[in-house]
Amino acid sequence: ILLTWQKIAPTSILYQISPSLNMNLLILLAVSSTLLGGWGGLNQTHLRKILAYSSIAHMGWMTVIVLINPSLTILNLLIYIAATLAIFLCLNLTSTTKINALSNLWNKSAPMTITLMIILLSLGGLPPLTGFMPKWLILQELIIYNNITTAMLLAFSALLNLFFYMRIIYTSTLTMFPSNNSSKFQWFHSSPKPTSLIPSMTIISAMLLPLSPLIINLT
């Protein structure tokens, strides 16, 4: 709730008061937020703390564009909520709270692990997933308005975020504790049943990039 629905209220307030705000101050706060979110998440081992720093970084992306194109702020918020909700549903279903626990996730549920990997890459903004679209559009708008330095700093912060998402993926797929052969395919016999929200949230957070021309026209 803190990382998803509770963002709606401050984003709405920011949307309403944005015309009266100083653009340079807003850009400074937004860039600071993205860099803080990127650096802060690098040394974390708790998944909730990592997602909290990710939330700070995404708030910076939404803030930096609110004066130039408020519609992109709303688009970024909706995609972020869908991706974060899907991640928390996956983690809750597998009872995972720390990065170390992800090393056994493949044994518990390989399909859930693959789903989590795709959503994390999308949240990090890796093309050709949906999460790349708002970052691409925001950087494009900043370059059009000659905010080249801001765009470069945001792109750098996106790489920091992508790094700790890749660390989660590496832990959950390429490292695992020693186990006997019978436990390696445990997921094949008894896998956690996903809720109905996970498939729909996964589609929204990972597969909407081909609809970019339509979404751009709507924004």
N, C-alpha and C. Protein backbone atom coordinates (compact mmCIF):
# COMPACT_ATOMS: atom_id res chain seq x y z
N ILE A 1 0.83 -1.20 0.00
CA ILE A 1 0.00 0.00 0.00
C ILE A 1 0.87 1.25 0.00
N LEU A 2 1.95 1.24 0.82
CA LEU A 2 2.80 2.42 0.91
C LEU A 2 3.47 2.74 -0.42
N LEU A 3 3.81 1.70 -1.20
CA LEU A 3 4.55 1.90 -2.44
C LEU A 3 3.64 2.08 -3.65
N THR A 4 2.35 1.81 -3.50
CA THR A 4 1.45 1.89 -4.65
C THR A 4 0.36 2.92 -4.45
N TRP A 5 -0.71 2.54 -3.73
CA TRP A 5 -1.88 3.42 -3.64
C TRP A 5 -1.57 4.73 -2.92
N GLN A 6 -0.64 4.69 -1.95
CA GLN A 6 -0.37 5.92 -1.21
C GLN A 6 0.39 6.95 -2.04
N LYS A 7 0.88 6.56 -3.21
CA LYS A 7 1.52 7.53 -4.10
C LYS A 7 0.49 8.39 -4.84
N ILE A 8 -0.75 7.93 -4.88
CA ILE A 8 -1.76 8.65 -5.66
C ILE A 8 -2.03 10.03 -5.07
N ALA A 9 -2.14 10.12 -3.73
CA ALA A 9 -2.45 11.40 -3.08
C ALA A 9 -1.35 12.45 -3.31
N PRO A 10 -0.06 12.16 -3.00
CA PRO A 10 0.97 13.18 -3.26
C PRO A 10 1.13 13.52 -4.74
N THR A 11 0.93 12.52 -5.60
CA THR A 11 1.02 12.80 -7.04
C THR A 11 -0.10 13.73 -7.48
N SER A 12 -1.29 13.54 -6.94
CA SER A 12 -2.43 14.41 -7.26
C SER A 12 -2.16 15.84 -6.79
N ILE A 13 -1.62 15.98 -5.57
CA ILE A 13 -1.29 17.31 -5.05
C ILE A 13 -0.22 17.97 -5.91
N LEU A 14 0.81 17.20 -6.26
CA LEU A 14 1.88 17.72 -7.11
C LEU A 14 1.34 18.16 -8.46
N TYR A 15 0.42 17.38 -9.00
CA TYR A 15 -0.21 17.70 -10.29
C TYR A 15 -0.96 19.02 -10.21
N GLN A 16 -1.64 19.27 -9.07
CA GLN A 16 -2.45 20.47 -8.92
C GLN A 16 -1.61 21.72 -8.71
N ILE A 17 -0.53 21.61 -7.91
CA ILE A 17 0.25 22.80 -7.56
C ILE A 17 1.45 23.01 -8.47
N SER A 18 1.68 22.11 -9.42
CA SER A 18 2.87 22.20 -10.27
C SER A 18 3.00 23.52 -11.03
N PRO A 19 1.91 24.15 -11.52
CA PRO A 19 2.09 25.41 -12.25
C PRO A 19 2.70 26.53 -11.41
N SER A 20 2.56 26.47 -10.09
CA SER A 20 3.08 27.53 -9.23
C SER A 20 4.48 27.22 -8.70
N LEU A 21 5.06 26.08 -9.07
CA LEU A 21 6.36 25.69 -8.56
C LEU A 21 7.48 26.18 -9.46
N ASN A 22 8.65 26.40 -8.85
CA ASN A 22 9.83 26.79 -9.60
C ASN A 22 10.42 25.57 -10.30
N MET A 23 10.62 25.67 -11.60
CA MET A 23 11.05 24.51 -12.38
C MET A 23 12.45 24.04 -11.98
N ASN A 24 13.38 24.98 -11.75
CA ASN A 24 14.74 24.59 -11.39
C ASN A 24 14.78 23.85 -10.05
N LEU A 25 13.98 24.34 -9.09
CA LEU A 25 13.91 23.68 -7.79
C LEU A 25 13.30 22.28 -7.93
N LEU A 26 12.28 22.18 -8.75
CA LEU A 26 11.62 20.89 -8.95
C LEU A 26 12.56 19.88 -9.60
N ILE A 27 13.33 20.33 -10.58
CA ILE A 27 14.29 19.45 -11.25
C ILE A 27 15.38 19.01 -10.27
N LEU A 28 15.85 19.94 -9.42
CA LEU A 28 16.88 19.61 -8.43
C LEU A 28 16.38 18.53 -7.46
N LEU A 29 15.15 18.71 -6.97
CA LEU A 29 14.58 17.73 -6.05
C LEU A 29 14.36 16.38 -6.74
N ALA A 30 13.91 16.42 -8.00
CA ALA A 30 13.65 15.18 -8.73
C ALA A 30 14.93 14.40 -8.99
N VAL A 31 15.99 15.09 -9.43
CA VAL A 31 17.26 14.42 -9.70
C VAL A 31 17.85 13.87 -8.40
N SER A 32 17.75 14.65 -7.32
CA SER A 32 18.24 14.18 -6.01
C SER A 32 17.50 12.92 -5.58
N SER A 33 16.20 12.89 -5.84
CA SER A 33 15.38 11.73 -5.48
C SER A 33 15.80 10.49 -6.27
N THR A 34 16.02 10.64 -7.56
CA THR A 34 16.40 9.49 -8.39
C THR A 34 17.79 8.97 -8.01
N LEU A 35 18.73 9.88 -7.75
CA LEU A 35 20.07 9.45 -7.37
C LEU A 35 20.08 8.81 -5.98
N LEU A 36 19.32 9.39 -5.05
CA LEU A 36 19.22 8.81 -3.71
C LEU A 36 18.60 7.41 -3.76
N GLY A 37 17.55 7.26 -4.56
CA GLY A 37 16.93 5.95 -4.70
C GLY A 37 17.85 4.93 -5.33
N GLY A 38 18.67 5.39 -6.29
CA GLY A 38 19.61 4.48 -6.95
C GLY A 38 20.74 4.05 -6.04
N TRP A 39 21.41 5.02 -5.39
CA TRP A 39 22.53 4.70 -4.52
C TRP A 39 22.08 3.95 -3.27
N GLY A 40 20.93 4.34 -2.71
CA GLY A 40 20.47 3.74 -1.47
C GLY A 40 20.13 2.27 -1.58
N GLY A 41 19.69 1.85 -2.75
CA GLY A 41 19.29 0.46 -2.91
C GLY A 41 20.42 -0.51 -3.21
N LEU A 42 21.63 0.01 -3.42
CA LEU A 42 22.72 -0.86 -3.86
C LEU A 42 23.16 -1.87 -2.81
N ASN A 43 23.22 -1.45 -1.54
CA ASN A 43 23.76 -2.32 -0.49
C ASN A 43 22.68 -2.96 0.38
N GLN A 44 21.44 -2.95 -0.06
CA GLN A 44 20.35 -3.50 0.73
C GLN A 44 20.19 -5.00 0.48
N THR A 45 19.80 -5.71 1.52
CA THR A 45 19.54 -7.14 1.39
C THR A 45 18.07 -7.49 1.57
N HIS A 46 17.30 -6.60 2.17
CA HIS A 46 15.86 -6.82 2.33
C HIS A 46 15.13 -6.33 1.09
N LEU A 47 14.29 -7.15 0.55
CA LEU A 47 13.59 -6.80 -0.69
C LEU A 47 12.68 -5.60 -0.50
N ARG A 48 12.06 -5.47 0.67
CA ARG A 48 11.17 -4.34 0.90
C ARG A 48 11.93 -3.03 0.93
N LYS A 49 13.14 -3.05 1.49
CA LYS A 49 13.96 -1.83 1.49
C LYS A 49 14.39 -1.47 0.07
N ILE A 50 14.73 -2.48 -0.71
CA ILE A 50 15.11 -2.24 -2.11
C ILE A 50 13.96 -1.61 -2.87
N LEU A 51 12.75 -2.15 -2.68
CA LEU A 51 11.58 -1.60 -3.37
C LEU A 51 11.22 -0.22 -2.83
N ALA A 52 11.55 0.05 -1.55
CA ALA A 52 11.31 1.39 -1.01
C ALA A 52 12.22 2.41 -1.68
N TYR A 53 13.50 2.07 -1.84
CA TYR A 53 14.41 2.98 -2.55
C TYR A 53 14.02 3.11 -4.02
N SER A 54 13.53 2.03 -4.60
CA SER A 54 13.03 2.10 -5.97
C SER A 54 11.85 3.06 -6.07
N SER A 55 11.01 3.06 -5.04
CA SER A 55 9.87 3.97 -5.01
C SER A 55 10.33 5.42 -4.97
N ILE A 56 11.39 5.69 -4.19
CA ILE A 56 11.94 7.05 -4.13
C ILE A 56 12.45 7.48 -5.51
N ALA A 57 13.15 6.57 -6.18
CA ALA A 57 13.68 6.89 -7.51
C ALA A 57 12.57 7.15 -8.51
N HIS A 58 11.53 6.34 -8.48
CA HIS A 58 10.43 6.52 -9.43
C HIS A 58 9.65 7.81 -9.15
N MET A 59 9.59 8.21 -7.89
CA MET A 59 8.94 9.48 -7.57
C MET A 59 9.69 10.64 -8.20
N GLY A 60 11.02 10.52 -8.27
CA GLY A 60 11.81 11.54 -8.93
C GLY A 60 11.51 11.63 -10.42
N TRP A 61 11.34 10.47 -11.07
CA TRP A 61 10.98 10.46 -12.50
C TRP A 61 9.63 11.13 -12.73
N MET A 62 8.69 10.89 -11.83
CA MET A 62 7.36 11.49 -11.99
C MET A 62 7.40 12.99 -11.73
N THR A 63 8.26 13.41 -10.79
CA THR A 63 8.33 14.82 -10.43
C THR A 63 8.98 15.65 -11.52
N VAL A 64 10.02 15.11 -12.16
CA VAL A 64 10.81 15.90 -13.09
C VAL A 64 10.02 16.30 -14.33
N ILE A 65 9.00 15.54 -14.68
CA ILE A 65 8.27 15.79 -15.93
C ILE A 65 6.92 16.44 -15.70
N VAL A 66 6.53 16.67 -14.44
CA VAL A 66 5.17 17.12 -14.16
C VAL A 66 4.89 18.51 -14.73
N LEU A 67 5.92 19.37 -14.82
CA LEU A 67 5.72 20.70 -15.38
C LEU A 67 5.70 20.69 -16.91
N ILE A 68 6.46 19.78 -17.50
CA ILE A 68 6.58 19.75 -18.96
C ILE A 68 5.43 18.98 -19.60
N ASN A 69 5.15 17.80 -19.07
CA ASN A 69 4.07 16.95 -19.61
C ASN A 69 3.44 16.16 -18.47
N PRO A 70 2.42 16.71 -17.81
CA PRO A 70 1.80 16.02 -16.67
C PRO A 70 1.22 14.65 -17.02
N SER A 71 0.83 14.45 -18.27
CA SER A 71 0.27 13.15 -18.66
C SER A 71 1.29 12.02 -18.50
N LEU A 72 2.57 12.34 -18.72
CA LEU A 72 3.61 11.33 -18.55
C LEU A 72 3.78 10.95 -17.08
N THR A 73 3.52 11.91 -16.19
CA THR A 73 3.56 11.60 -14.75
C THR A 73 2.51 10.56 -14.40
N ILE A 74 1.30 10.74 -14.92
CA ILE A 74 0.22 9.78 -14.67
C ILE A 74 0.55 8.42 -15.28
N LEU A 75 1.08 8.43 -16.51
CA LEU A 75 1.45 7.17 -17.18
C LEU A 75 2.51 6.42 -16.38
N ASN A 76 3.53 7.14 -15.93
CA ASN A 76 4.59 6.53 -15.13
C ASN A 76 4.04 5.94 -13.84
N LEU A 77 3.13 6.67 -13.19
CA LEU A 77 2.53 6.20 -11.94
C LEU A 77 1.74 4.91 -12.15
N LEU A 78 0.94 4.86 -13.21
CA LEU A 78 0.11 3.68 -13.46
C LEU A 78 0.96 2.44 -13.75
N ILE A 79 2.00 2.61 -14.57
CA ILE A 79 2.87 1.47 -14.89
C ILE A 79 3.64 1.03 -13.65
N TYR A 80 4.08 2.00 -12.85
CA TYR A 80 4.81 1.66 -11.63
C TYR A 80 3.92 0.89 -10.65
N ILE A 81 2.68 1.34 -10.48
CA ILE A 81 1.75 0.65 -9.56
C ILE A 81 1.50 -0.78 -10.02
N ALA A 82 1.29 -0.97 -11.33
CA ALA A 82 1.05 -2.32 -11.85
C ALA A 82 2.25 -3.24 -11.61
N ALA A 83 3.46 -2.74 -11.88
CA ALA A 83 4.66 -3.56 -11.72
C ALA A 83 4.92 -3.87 -10.25
N THR A 84 4.81 -2.86 -9.39
CA THR A 84 5.09 -3.07 -7.96
C THR A 84 4.07 -4.00 -7.33
N LEU A 85 2.81 -3.85 -7.72
CA LEU A 85 1.76 -4.73 -7.19
C LEU A 85 2.03 -6.18 -7.59
N ALA A 86 2.43 -6.40 -8.84
CA ALA A 86 2.74 -7.76 -9.30
C ALA A 86 3.93 -8.34 -8.54
N ILE A 87 4.95 -7.52 -8.29
CA ILE A 87 6.13 -8.00 -7.54
C ILE A 87 5.75 -8.42 -6.13
N PHE A 88 4.97 -7.59 -5.45
CA PHE A 88 4.58 -7.91 -4.08
C PHE A 88 3.67 -9.14 -4.02
N LEU A 89 2.84 -9.32 -5.02
CA LEU A 89 2.00 -10.52 -5.06
C LEU A 89 2.87 -11.78 -5.21
N CYS A 90 3.89 -11.69 -6.06
CA CYS A 90 4.80 -12.83 -6.25
C CYS A 90 5.57 -13.13 -4.97
N LEU A 91 6.11 -12.08 -4.33
CA LEU A 91 6.89 -12.27 -3.11
C LEU A 91 6.02 -12.78 -1.96
N ASN A 92 4.79 -12.28 -1.89
CA ASN A 92 3.89 -12.72 -0.83
C ASN A 92 3.48 -14.19 -1.03
N LEU A 93 3.31 -14.57 -2.29
CA LEU A 93 2.90 -15.94 -2.59
C LEU A 93 4.00 -16.94 -2.26
N THR A 94 5.26 -16.50 -2.41
CA THR A 94 6.39 -17.39 -2.13
C THR A 94 7.00 -17.15 -0.75
N SER A 95 6.42 -16.22 0.02
CA SER A 95 6.90 -15.90 1.38
C SER A 95 8.38 -15.52 1.38
N THR A 96 8.77 -14.65 0.46
CA THR A 96 10.16 -14.24 0.33
C THR A 96 10.31 -12.80 0.79
N THR A 97 11.30 -12.56 1.68
CA THR A 97 11.53 -11.20 2.19
C THR A 97 12.96 -10.72 2.00
N LYS A 98 13.92 -11.64 1.83
CA LYS A 98 15.32 -11.27 1.68
C LYS A 98 15.88 -11.80 0.36
N ILE A 99 16.96 -11.14 -0.09
CA ILE A 99 17.60 -11.57 -1.34
C ILE A 99 18.14 -12.99 -1.21
N ASN A 100 18.70 -13.33 -0.05
CA ASN A 100 19.27 -14.68 0.13
C ASN A 100 18.23 -15.77 -0.05
N ALA A 101 16.99 -15.48 0.33
CA ALA A 101 15.92 -16.48 0.21
C ALA A 101 15.55 -16.75 -1.24
N LEU A 102 15.95 -15.85 -2.14
CA LEU A 102 15.61 -16.03 -3.55
C LEU A 102 16.37 -17.17 -4.19
N SER A 103 17.47 -17.61 -3.55
CA SER A 103 18.27 -18.69 -4.13
C SER A 103 17.50 -20.00 -4.19
N ASN A 104 16.47 -20.15 -3.36
CA ASN A 104 15.65 -21.35 -3.39
C ASN A 104 14.33 -21.15 -4.12
N LEU A 105 14.12 -19.95 -4.63
CA LEU A 105 12.83 -19.66 -5.26
C LEU A 105 12.62 -20.47 -6.53
N TRP A 106 13.71 -20.73 -7.27
CA TRP A 106 13.58 -21.51 -8.51
C TRP A 106 13.08 -22.92 -8.22
N ASN A 107 13.54 -23.50 -7.09
CA ASN A 107 13.07 -24.84 -6.71
C ASN A 107 11.60 -24.83 -6.31
N LYS A 108 11.18 -23.75 -5.66
CA LYS A 108 9.79 -23.67 -5.20
C LYS A 108 8.83 -23.45 -6.35
N SER A 109 9.18 -22.52 -7.24
CA SER A 109 8.27 -22.19 -8.35
C SER A 109 9.04 -21.53 -9.48
N ALA A 110 9.43 -22.31 -10.46
CA ALA A 110 10.15 -21.77 -11.61
C ALA A 110 9.31 -20.77 -12.41
N PRO A 111 8.03 -21.05 -12.69
CA PRO A 111 7.22 -20.05 -13.42
C PRO A 111 7.12 -18.73 -12.69
N MET A 112 6.98 -18.78 -11.35
CA MET A 112 6.89 -17.55 -10.57
C MET A 112 8.21 -16.79 -10.62
N THR A 113 9.33 -17.53 -10.63
CA THR A 113 10.64 -16.90 -10.71
C THR A 113 10.81 -16.16 -12.04
N ILE A 114 10.40 -16.79 -13.12
CA ILE A 114 10.49 -16.16 -14.44
C ILE A 114 9.61 -14.92 -14.51
N THR A 115 8.41 -15.01 -13.95
CA THR A 115 7.51 -13.85 -13.91
C THR A 115 8.13 -12.71 -13.14
N LEU A 116 8.72 -13.02 -11.98
CA LEU A 116 9.36 -12.00 -11.15
C LEU A 116 10.53 -11.35 -11.87
N MET A 117 11.32 -12.15 -12.60
CA MET A 117 12.44 -11.62 -13.37
C MET A 117 11.97 -10.62 -14.41
N ILE A 118 10.94 -10.97 -15.15
CA ILE A 118 10.43 -10.10 -16.21
C ILE A 118 9.93 -8.78 -15.64
N ILE A 119 9.19 -8.85 -14.53
CA ILE A 119 8.63 -7.63 -13.94
C ILE A 119 9.74 -6.74 -13.39
N LEU A 120 10.76 -7.34 -12.77
CA LEU A 120 11.88 -6.55 -12.24
C LEU A 120 12.63 -5.84 -13.36
N LEU A 121 12.85 -6.54 -14.47
CA LEU A 121 13.53 -5.91 -15.61
C LEU A 121 12.69 -4.78 -16.18
N SER A 122 11.37 -4.96 -16.19
CA SER A 122 10.49 -3.90 -16.66
C SER A 122 10.53 -2.70 -15.72
N LEU A 123 10.52 -2.96 -14.41
CA LEU A 123 10.58 -1.87 -13.44
C LEU A 123 11.90 -1.12 -13.54
N GLY A 124 12.95 -1.83 -13.93
CA GLY A 124 14.24 -1.19 -14.13
C GLY A 124 14.34 -0.40 -15.42
N GLY A 125 13.36 -0.54 -16.29
CA GLY A 125 13.34 0.24 -17.53
C GLY A 125 14.12 -0.39 -18.67
N LEU A 126 14.23 -1.71 -18.67
CA LEU A 126 14.98 -2.38 -19.73
C LEU A 126 14.08 -2.62 -20.94
N PRO A 127 14.49 -2.17 -22.13
CA PRO A 127 13.69 -2.47 -23.33
C PRO A 127 13.83 -3.95 -23.67
N PRO A 128 12.82 -4.57 -24.29
CA PRO A 128 11.60 -3.98 -24.85
C PRO A 128 10.39 -4.12 -23.94
N LEU A 129 10.56 -3.98 -22.64
CA LEU A 129 9.46 -4.15 -21.69
C LEU A 129 8.76 -2.81 -21.45
N THR A 130 7.58 -2.88 -20.83
CA THR A 130 6.74 -1.69 -20.66
C THR A 130 7.44 -0.60 -19.86
N GLY A 131 8.22 -0.98 -18.84
CA GLY A 131 8.87 0.02 -17.99
C GLY A 131 9.82 0.93 -18.72
N PHE A 132 10.28 0.51 -19.90
CA PHE A 132 11.17 1.36 -20.70
C PHE A 132 10.42 2.55 -21.29
N MET A 133 9.13 2.38 -21.55
CA MET A 133 8.36 3.40 -22.26
C MET A 133 8.30 4.74 -21.52
N PRO A 134 7.87 4.81 -20.24
CA PRO A 134 7.81 6.12 -19.60
C PRO A 134 9.17 6.78 -19.46
N LYS A 135 10.22 5.98 -19.19
CA LYS A 135 11.56 6.57 -19.08
C LYS A 135 12.02 7.12 -20.42
N TRP A 136 11.75 6.40 -21.48
CA TRP A 136 12.11 6.86 -22.83
C TRP A 136 11.38 8.16 -23.17
N LEU A 137 10.09 8.21 -22.90
CA LEU A 137 9.30 9.41 -23.21
C LEU A 137 9.72 10.60 -22.36
N ILE A 138 10.04 10.35 -21.09
CA ILE A 138 10.47 11.45 -20.21
C ILE A 138 11.82 12.00 -20.66
N LEU A 139 12.76 11.12 -20.98
CA LEU A 139 14.07 11.58 -21.47
C LEU A 139 13.92 12.33 -22.78
N GLN A 140 13.03 11.87 -23.63
CA GLN A 140 12.79 12.54 -24.91
C GLN A 140 12.25 13.95 -24.70
N GLU A 141 11.31 14.11 -23.77
CA GLU A 141 10.75 15.43 -23.48
C GLU A 141 11.81 16.36 -22.89
N LEU A 142 12.65 15.84 -22.00
CA LEU A 142 13.70 16.66 -21.41
C LEU A 142 14.70 17.14 -22.46
N ILE A 143 15.04 16.26 -23.39
CA ILE A 143 15.98 16.64 -24.45
C ILE A 143 15.36 17.69 -25.36
N ILE A 144 14.07 17.56 -25.66
CA ILE A 144 13.38 18.55 -26.50
C ILE A 144 13.44 19.93 -25.85
N TYR A 145 13.32 19.97 -24.51
CA TYR A 145 13.36 21.24 -23.79
C TYR A 145 14.78 21.61 -23.34
N ASN A 146 15.79 20.99 -23.97
CA ASN A 146 17.20 21.30 -23.75
C ASN A 146 17.69 21.06 -22.33
N ASN A 147 17.05 20.15 -21.62
CA ASN A 147 17.53 19.75 -20.29
C ASN A 147 18.43 18.52 -20.43
N ILE A 148 19.54 18.69 -21.15
CA ILE A 148 20.40 17.56 -21.48
C ILE A 148 21.05 16.98 -20.22
N THR A 149 21.55 17.87 -19.35
CA THR A 149 22.22 17.42 -18.13
C THR A 149 21.27 16.63 -17.24
N THR A 150 20.05 17.12 -17.11
CA THR A 150 19.05 16.42 -16.31
C THR A 150 18.77 15.04 -16.89
N ALA A 151 18.64 14.96 -18.21
CA ALA A 151 18.37 13.68 -18.86
C ALA A 151 19.52 12.70 -18.63
N MET A 152 20.76 13.19 -18.67
CA MET A 152 21.91 12.31 -18.45
C MET A 152 21.96 11.79 -17.02
N LEU A 153 21.65 12.66 -16.05
CA LEU A 153 21.64 12.24 -14.64
C LEU A 153 20.54 11.22 -14.38
N LEU A 154 19.38 11.42 -15.00
CA LEU A 154 18.29 10.47 -14.83
C LEU A 154 18.64 9.12 -15.46
N ALA A 155 19.28 9.16 -16.63
CA ALA A 155 19.69 7.91 -17.28
C ALA A 155 20.71 7.16 -16.42
N PHE A 156 21.62 7.91 -15.78
CA PHE A 156 22.61 7.29 -14.89
C PHE A 156 21.93 6.64 -13.69
N SER A 157 20.95 7.35 -13.11
CA SER A 157 20.24 6.80 -11.96
C SER A 157 19.44 5.56 -12.35
N ALA A 158 18.93 5.53 -13.59
CA ALA A 158 18.21 4.35 -14.06
C ALA A 158 19.13 3.14 -14.14
N LEU A 159 20.40 3.36 -14.49
CA LEU A 159 21.37 2.26 -14.51
C LEU A 159 21.63 1.72 -13.11
N LEU A 160 21.65 2.63 -12.11
CA LEU A 160 21.83 2.19 -10.72
C LEU A 160 20.66 1.30 -10.29
N ASN A 161 19.45 1.73 -10.63
CA ASN A 161 18.27 0.92 -10.30
C ASN A 161 18.33 -0.43 -10.99
N LEU A 162 18.69 -0.41 -12.26
CA LEU A 162 18.75 -1.66 -13.02
C LEU A 162 19.79 -2.61 -12.44
N PHE A 163 20.87 -2.03 -11.88
CA PHE A 163 21.92 -2.87 -11.29
C PHE A 163 21.39 -3.69 -10.12
N PHE A 164 20.66 -3.04 -9.18
CA PHE A 164 20.23 -3.85 -8.04
C PHE A 164 19.04 -4.75 -8.40
N TYR A 165 18.32 -4.44 -9.46
CA TYR A 165 17.32 -5.40 -9.96
C TYR A 165 18.02 -6.62 -10.56
N MET A 166 19.10 -6.38 -11.29
CA MET A 166 19.85 -7.49 -11.87
C MET A 166 20.49 -8.35 -10.79
N ARG A 167 20.86 -7.72 -9.67
CA ARG A 167 21.42 -8.49 -8.56
C ARG A 167 20.38 -9.45 -7.99
N ILE A 168 19.13 -8.98 -7.89
CA ILE A 168 18.05 -9.85 -7.42
C ILE A 168 17.85 -11.02 -8.38
N ILE A 169 17.86 -10.72 -9.68
CA ILE A 169 17.66 -11.76 -10.69
C ILE A 169 18.81 -12.77 -10.66
N TYR A 170 20.04 -12.27 -10.51
CA TYR A 170 21.21 -13.16 -10.43
C TYR A 170 21.08 -14.11 -9.25
N THR A 171 20.67 -13.58 -8.10
CA THR A 171 20.54 -14.41 -6.90
C THR A 171 19.47 -15.48 -7.06
N SER A 172 18.37 -15.11 -7.71
CA SER A 172 17.24 -16.05 -7.80
C SER A 172 17.40 -17.09 -8.90
N THR A 173 18.32 -16.88 -9.85
CA THR A 173 18.43 -17.81 -10.98
C THR A 173 19.79 -18.51 -11.09
N LEU A 174 20.87 -17.80 -10.80
CA LEU A 174 22.20 -18.34 -11.03
C LEU A 174 22.89 -18.82 -9.77
N THR A 175 22.30 -18.58 -8.62
CA THR A 175 22.86 -19.11 -7.37
C THR A 175 21.76 -19.86 -6.64
N MET A 176 22.11 -21.00 -6.10
CA MET A 176 21.16 -21.74 -5.27
C MET A 176 21.93 -22.64 -4.31
N PHE A 177 21.33 -22.86 -3.14
CA PHE A 177 21.96 -23.69 -2.13
C PHE A 177 22.00 -25.14 -2.60
N PRO A 178 23.00 -25.92 -2.12
CA PRO A 178 23.04 -27.35 -2.47
C PRO A 178 21.76 -28.06 -2.05
N SER A 179 21.24 -28.90 -2.93
CA SER A 179 20.01 -29.62 -2.63
C SER A 179 20.03 -30.95 -3.35
N ASN A 180 19.24 -31.88 -2.84
CA ASN A 180 19.18 -33.19 -3.49
C ASN A 180 18.33 -33.10 -4.76
N ASN A 181 18.41 -34.11 -5.57
CA ASN A 181 17.74 -34.09 -6.87
C ASN A 181 16.23 -34.00 -6.75
N SER A 182 15.66 -34.58 -5.69
CA SER A 182 14.20 -34.58 -5.56
C SER A 182 13.64 -33.19 -5.30
N SER A 183 14.47 -32.32 -4.68
CA SER A 183 13.97 -30.98 -4.36
C SER A 183 14.17 -30.00 -5.50
N LYS A 184 14.97 -30.37 -6.51
CA LYS A 184 15.24 -29.45 -7.60
C LYS A 184 14.02 -29.22 -8.48
N PHE A 185 13.14 -30.20 -8.54
CA PHE A 185 11.93 -30.06 -9.36
C PHE A 185 10.68 -30.08 -8.49
N GLN A 186 10.82 -29.52 -7.28
CA GLN A 186 9.71 -29.48 -6.35
C GLN A 186 8.54 -28.68 -6.92
N TRP A 187 8.86 -27.63 -7.68
CA TRP A 187 7.82 -26.76 -8.23
C TRP A 187 6.93 -27.51 -9.23
N PHE A 188 7.50 -28.55 -9.88
CA PHE A 188 6.75 -29.29 -10.89
C PHE A 188 5.59 -30.06 -10.26
N HIS A 189 5.78 -30.48 -9.01
CA HIS A 189 4.75 -31.27 -8.33
C HIS A 189 3.83 -30.41 -7.48
N SER A 190 4.39 -29.39 -6.83
CA SER A 190 3.56 -28.52 -5.99
C SER A 190 4.06 -27.10 -6.11
N SER A 191 3.45 -26.34 -6.96
CA SER A 191 3.84 -24.95 -7.19
C SER A 191 2.77 -24.02 -6.62
N PRO A 192 3.19 -22.87 -6.04
CA PRO A 192 2.19 -21.93 -5.53
C PRO A 192 1.25 -21.48 -6.63
N LYS A 193 -0.02 -21.46 -6.33
CA LYS A 193 -1.01 -21.05 -7.31
C LYS A 193 -1.10 -19.53 -7.37
N PRO A 194 -0.84 -18.93 -8.53
CA PRO A 194 -0.89 -17.47 -8.61
C PRO A 194 -2.32 -16.96 -8.50
N THR A 195 -2.45 -15.76 -7.95
CA THR A 195 -3.76 -15.13 -7.90
C THR A 195 -4.11 -14.61 -9.28
N SER A 196 -5.37 -14.26 -9.46
CA SER A 196 -5.82 -13.80 -10.78
C SER A 196 -5.21 -12.46 -11.15
N LEU A 197 -4.71 -11.71 -10.16
CA LEU A 197 -4.13 -10.40 -10.44
C LEU A 197 -2.75 -10.49 -11.07
N ILE A 198 -1.99 -11.54 -10.74
CA ILE A 198 -0.61 -11.62 -11.21
C ILE A 198 -0.51 -11.66 -12.73
N PRO A 199 -1.25 -12.51 -13.45
CA PRO A 199 -1.15 -12.49 -14.92
C PRO A 199 -1.51 -11.14 -15.53
N SER A 200 -2.58 -10.52 -15.06
CA SER A 200 -3.01 -9.24 -15.64
C SER A 200 -2.00 -8.14 -15.34
N MET A 201 -1.47 -8.09 -14.11
CA MET A 201 -0.46 -7.08 -13.76
C MET A 201 0.84 -7.32 -14.52
N THR A 202 1.17 -8.59 -14.77
CA THR A 202 2.38 -8.90 -15.53
C THR A 202 2.26 -8.41 -16.97
N ILE A 203 1.10 -8.62 -17.57
CA ILE A 203 0.87 -8.15 -18.95
C ILE A 203 0.99 -6.64 -19.02
N ILE A 204 0.38 -5.94 -18.06
CA ILE A 204 0.42 -4.47 -18.06
C ILE A 204 1.84 -3.97 -17.86
N SER A 205 2.58 -4.59 -16.94
CA SER A 205 3.90 -4.08 -16.57
C SER A 205 5.02 -4.55 -17.48
N ALA A 206 4.74 -5.46 -18.42
CA ALA A 206 5.82 -6.00 -19.23
C ALA A 206 5.57 -6.03 -20.73
N MET A 207 4.34 -5.90 -21.19
CA MET A 207 4.06 -6.18 -22.60
C MET A 207 3.32 -5.07 -23.34
N LEU A 208 3.37 -3.85 -22.85
CA LEU A 208 2.62 -2.76 -23.49
C LEU A 208 3.47 -1.89 -24.41
N LEU A 209 4.77 -2.17 -24.52
CA LEU A 209 5.62 -1.31 -25.34
C LEU A 209 5.17 -1.24 -26.80
N PRO A 210 4.67 -2.33 -27.43
CA PRO A 210 4.18 -2.20 -28.81
C PRO A 210 3.03 -1.21 -28.97
N LEU A 211 2.35 -0.89 -27.86
CA LEU A 211 1.25 0.08 -27.92
C LEU A 211 1.73 1.51 -27.70
N SER A 212 3.04 1.72 -27.71
CA SER A 212 3.59 3.06 -27.45
C SER A 212 3.01 4.15 -28.35
N PRO A 213 2.90 3.93 -29.69
CA PRO A 213 2.32 5.00 -30.53
C PRO A 213 0.93 5.42 -30.10
N LEU A 214 0.09 4.44 -29.73
CA LEU A 214 -1.26 4.76 -29.27
C LEU A 214 -1.22 5.54 -27.96
N ILE A 215 -0.36 5.09 -27.03
CA ILE A 215 -0.27 5.76 -25.73
C ILE A 215 0.29 7.17 -25.88
N ILE A 216 1.25 7.35 -26.79
CA ILE A 216 1.81 8.69 -27.02
C ILE A 216 0.74 9.63 -27.55
N ASN A 217 -0.10 9.14 -28.44
CA ASN A 217 -1.19 9.98 -28.96
C ASN A 217 -2.18 10.36 -27.87
N LEU A 218 -2.41 9.44 -26.92
CA LEU A 218 -3.34 9.72 -25.83
C LEU A 218 -2.77 10.72 -24.85
N THR A 219 -1.43 10.72 -24.70
CA THR A 219 -0.82 11.65 -23.76
C THR A 219 -0.57 13.01 -24.39
